[in-house]
Amino acid sequence: MMDSRIKLRHLRSFLETARLGSLSAAAQDLNISQPAMSKSIRELEDILGTQLFDRSTRRLSLTPAGKVFQQHVGSGMIAL
């Protein structure tokens, strides 16, 4: 069962950040501020209890958990 705390904005933020590899670029595409984007990703990771992005370099990359989550969220968004 999906956690009811996860909102569509979390999923859109996650998918766009994963696609672009940048919080600021994803925020610009979704017309929200970079701090709001960062907060949304942080909230999602807290809800899921796992880190979705590797932040060790300038460009964000998905962790193994992030890759699995991306597949499921991507499928779900297509179904919607």
N, C-alpha and C. Protein backbone atom coordinates (compact mmCIF):
# COMPACT_ATOMS: atom_id res chain seq x y z
N MET A 1 0.84 -1.18 0.00
CA MET A 1 0.00 0.00 0.00
C MET A 1 0.88 1.24 0.00
N MET A 2 0.48 2.24 -0.77
CA MET A 2 1.26 3.47 -0.85
C MET A 2 1.00 4.34 0.38
N ASP A 3 2.02 4.96 0.86
CA ASP A 3 1.91 5.88 2.00
C ASP A 3 1.11 7.10 1.57
N SER A 4 0.08 7.43 2.33
CA SER A 4 -0.80 8.55 1.97
C SER A 4 -0.11 9.91 2.06
N ARG A 5 1.07 9.95 2.67
CA ARG A 5 1.81 11.21 2.75
C ARG A 5 2.49 11.57 1.44
N ILE A 6 2.63 10.60 0.54
CA ILE A 6 3.26 10.86 -0.75
C ILE A 6 2.25 11.55 -1.66
N LYS A 7 2.61 12.71 -2.13
CA LYS A 7 1.74 13.52 -2.98
C LYS A 7 2.26 13.55 -4.41
N LEU A 8 1.40 13.94 -5.32
CA LEU A 8 1.78 14.02 -6.73
C LEU A 8 2.99 14.94 -6.92
N ARG A 9 3.07 16.02 -6.15
CA ARG A 9 4.22 16.94 -6.28
C ARG A 9 5.53 16.23 -5.94
N HIS A 10 5.50 15.31 -4.99
CA HIS A 10 6.71 14.55 -4.66
C HIS A 10 7.16 13.72 -5.87
N LEU A 11 6.18 13.05 -6.48
CA LEU A 11 6.50 12.17 -7.60
C LEU A 11 6.97 12.96 -8.82
N ARG A 12 6.30 14.07 -9.12
CA ARG A 12 6.71 14.91 -10.25
C ARG A 12 8.11 15.48 -10.01
N SER A 13 8.36 15.92 -8.80
CA SER A 13 9.68 16.46 -8.45
C SER A 13 10.75 15.40 -8.60
N PHE A 14 10.46 14.21 -8.11
CA PHE A 14 11.42 13.11 -8.20
C PHE A 14 11.73 12.77 -9.66
N LEU A 15 10.69 12.57 -10.46
CA LEU A 15 10.91 12.16 -11.84
C LEU A 15 11.66 13.22 -12.65
N GLU A 16 11.33 14.47 -12.44
CA GLU A 16 12.00 15.55 -13.20
C GLU A 16 13.46 15.69 -12.76
N THR A 17 13.71 15.56 -11.47
CA THR A 17 15.09 15.63 -10.97
C THR A 17 15.90 14.45 -11.49
N ALA A 18 15.30 13.27 -11.50
CA ALA A 18 15.99 12.09 -12.02
C ALA A 18 16.30 12.26 -13.51
N ARG A 19 15.36 12.82 -14.24
CA ARG A 19 15.55 13.01 -15.69
C ARG A 19 16.65 14.00 -16.00
N LEU A 20 16.69 15.10 -15.23
CA LEU A 20 17.63 16.18 -15.52
C LEU A 20 18.93 16.10 -14.72
N GLY A 21 18.92 15.38 -13.61
CA GLY A 21 20.12 15.27 -12.79
C GLY A 21 20.47 16.53 -12.04
N SER A 22 19.49 17.42 -11.87
CA SER A 22 19.73 18.70 -11.23
C SER A 22 18.46 19.21 -10.57
N LEU A 23 18.57 19.58 -9.30
CA LEU A 23 17.42 20.14 -8.61
C LEU A 23 17.02 21.48 -9.21
N SER A 24 17.98 22.32 -9.51
CA SER A 24 17.65 23.65 -10.03
C SER A 24 17.03 23.57 -11.43
N ALA A 25 17.53 22.69 -12.28
CA ALA A 25 16.95 22.54 -13.61
C ALA A 25 15.53 21.96 -13.52
N ALA A 26 15.34 21.00 -12.65
CA ALA A 26 14.01 20.41 -12.46
C ALA A 26 13.04 21.45 -11.91
N ALA A 27 13.50 22.24 -10.96
CA ALA A 27 12.65 23.29 -10.39
C ALA A 27 12.24 24.28 -11.47
N GLN A 28 13.16 24.65 -12.31
CA GLN A 28 12.87 25.60 -13.40
C GLN A 28 11.83 25.00 -14.35
N ASP A 29 11.98 23.73 -14.71
CA ASP A 29 11.03 23.08 -15.62
C ASP A 29 9.63 23.00 -15.01
N LEU A 30 9.55 22.80 -13.70
CA LEU A 30 8.26 22.68 -13.03
C LEU A 30 7.73 24.02 -12.50
N ASN A 31 8.48 25.08 -12.77
CA ASN A 31 8.10 26.43 -12.34
C ASN A 31 7.89 26.55 -10.83
N ILE A 32 8.83 25.97 -10.08
CA ILE A 32 8.85 26.14 -8.63
C ILE A 32 10.25 26.57 -8.22
N SER A 33 10.40 27.02 -6.99
CA SER A 33 11.72 27.45 -6.54
C SER A 33 12.61 26.24 -6.26
N GLN A 34 13.91 26.46 -6.33
CA GLN A 34 14.85 25.39 -6.02
C GLN A 34 14.71 24.93 -4.57
N PRO A 35 14.54 25.83 -3.60
CA PRO A 35 14.35 25.35 -2.22
C PRO A 35 13.08 24.50 -2.06
N ALA A 36 12.02 24.84 -2.77
CA ALA A 36 10.79 24.03 -2.71
C ALA A 36 11.03 22.65 -3.32
N MET A 37 11.79 22.60 -4.39
CA MET A 37 12.13 21.33 -5.03
C MET A 37 12.96 20.47 -4.08
N SER A 38 13.96 21.08 -3.48
CA SER A 38 14.82 20.38 -2.54
C SER A 38 14.02 19.84 -1.36
N LYS A 39 13.10 20.65 -0.85
CA LYS A 39 12.26 20.22 0.27
C LYS A 39 11.37 19.05 -0.13
N SER A 40 10.82 19.09 -1.31
CA SER A 40 9.96 18.01 -1.79
C SER A 40 10.72 16.69 -1.89
N ILE A 41 11.93 16.74 -2.43
CA ILE A 41 12.76 15.53 -2.54
C ILE A 41 13.14 15.02 -1.15
N ARG A 42 13.52 15.94 -0.27
CA ARG A 42 13.89 15.56 1.10
C ARG A 42 12.70 14.92 1.83
N GLU A 43 11.51 15.48 1.67
CA GLU A 43 10.31 14.91 2.28
C GLU A 43 10.05 13.51 1.76
N LEU A 44 10.17 13.33 0.45
CA LEU A 44 9.94 12.02 -0.16
C LEU A 44 10.92 11.00 0.39
N GLU A 45 12.19 11.37 0.47
CA GLU A 45 13.20 10.45 1.01
C GLU A 45 12.91 10.12 2.48
N ASP A 46 12.44 11.09 3.24
CA ASP A 46 12.08 10.84 4.63
C ASP A 46 10.90 9.88 4.74
N ILE A 47 9.91 10.08 3.91
CA ILE A 47 8.73 9.21 3.91
C ILE A 47 9.13 7.78 3.55
N LEU A 48 9.97 7.64 2.53
CA LEU A 48 10.39 6.32 2.07
C LEU A 48 11.45 5.69 2.96
N GLY A 49 12.14 6.52 3.72
CA GLY A 49 13.19 6.01 4.60
C GLY A 49 14.44 5.58 3.87
N THR A 50 14.68 6.16 2.71
CA THR A 50 15.88 5.82 1.95
C THR A 50 16.31 7.01 1.09
N GLN A 51 17.57 7.04 0.76
CA GLN A 51 18.11 8.10 -0.10
C GLN A 51 17.89 7.69 -1.55
N LEU A 52 17.32 8.59 -2.33
CA LEU A 52 17.03 8.31 -3.74
C LEU A 52 18.09 8.83 -4.69
N PHE A 53 18.84 9.84 -4.25
CA PHE A 53 19.87 10.45 -5.10
C PHE A 53 21.23 10.42 -4.42
N ASP A 54 22.25 10.18 -5.22
CA ASP A 54 23.64 10.29 -4.77
C ASP A 54 24.04 11.74 -4.99
N ARG A 55 24.37 12.41 -3.92
CA ARG A 55 24.70 13.83 -3.98
C ARG A 55 26.21 14.09 -3.87
N SER A 56 27.02 13.10 -4.18
CA SER A 56 28.46 13.24 -3.99
C SER A 56 29.14 14.03 -5.12
N THR A 57 28.42 14.25 -6.20
CA THR A 57 28.97 15.04 -7.30
C THR A 57 28.01 16.19 -7.60
N ARG A 58 28.44 17.07 -8.47
CA ARG A 58 27.60 18.22 -8.83
C ARG A 58 26.29 17.77 -9.48
N ARG A 59 26.35 16.78 -10.32
CA ARG A 59 25.17 16.23 -10.97
C ARG A 59 24.60 15.12 -10.10
N LEU A 60 23.30 15.17 -9.84
CA LEU A 60 22.66 14.14 -9.03
C LEU A 60 22.48 12.88 -9.85
N SER A 61 22.70 11.74 -9.22
CA SER A 61 22.45 10.47 -9.87
C SER A 61 21.62 9.61 -8.93
N LEU A 62 20.88 8.70 -9.51
CA LEU A 62 20.01 7.84 -8.71
C LEU A 62 20.81 6.78 -7.96
N THR A 63 20.40 6.52 -6.75
CA THR A 63 20.93 5.39 -6.00
C THR A 63 20.23 4.14 -6.53
N PRO A 64 20.67 2.95 -6.13
CA PRO A 64 19.94 1.74 -6.55
C PRO A 64 18.46 1.80 -6.15
N ALA A 65 18.16 2.28 -4.96
CA ALA A 65 16.76 2.41 -4.53
C ALA A 65 16.04 3.43 -5.40
N GLY A 66 16.73 4.50 -5.78
CA GLY A 66 16.15 5.51 -6.64
C GLY A 66 15.80 4.97 -8.02
N LYS A 67 16.63 4.09 -8.55
CA LYS A 67 16.37 3.49 -9.86
C LYS A 67 15.12 2.61 -9.82
N VAL A 68 14.98 1.84 -8.76
CA VAL A 68 13.79 0.99 -8.61
C VAL A 68 12.55 1.86 -8.47
N PHE A 69 12.66 2.88 -7.63
CA PHE A 69 11.53 3.79 -7.42
C PHE A 69 11.15 4.48 -8.72
N GLN A 70 12.13 4.88 -9.50
CA GLN A 70 11.88 5.54 -10.78
C GLN A 70 11.06 4.63 -11.72
N GLN A 71 11.39 3.36 -11.76
CA GLN A 71 10.67 2.43 -12.62
C GLN A 71 9.20 2.34 -12.20
N HIS A 72 8.97 2.23 -10.90
CA HIS A 72 7.60 2.09 -10.41
C HIS A 72 6.80 3.39 -10.58
N VAL A 73 7.41 4.51 -10.27
CA VAL A 73 6.72 5.80 -10.38
C VAL A 73 6.46 6.11 -11.86
N GLY A 74 7.44 5.84 -12.70
CA GLY A 74 7.26 6.09 -14.12
C GLY A 74 6.09 5.29 -14.69
N SER A 75 6.01 4.03 -14.32
CA SER A 75 4.89 3.19 -14.75
C SER A 75 3.57 3.71 -14.23
N GLY A 76 3.58 4.12 -12.98
CA GLY A 76 2.35 4.65 -12.37
C GLY A 76 1.89 5.93 -13.03
N MET A 77 2.82 6.80 -13.36
CA MET A 77 2.47 8.07 -14.00
C MET A 77 1.92 7.83 -15.41
N ILE A 78 2.48 6.86 -16.11
CA ILE A 78 1.96 6.52 -17.43
C ILE A 78 0.53 6.00 -17.31
N ALA A 79 0.28 5.19 -16.29
CA ALA A 79 -1.06 4.63 -16.07
C ALA A 79 -2.07 5.73 -15.73
N LEU A 80 -1.59 6.77 -15.03
CA LEU A 80 -2.49 7.88 -14.70
C LEU A 80 -2.87 8.65 -15.96
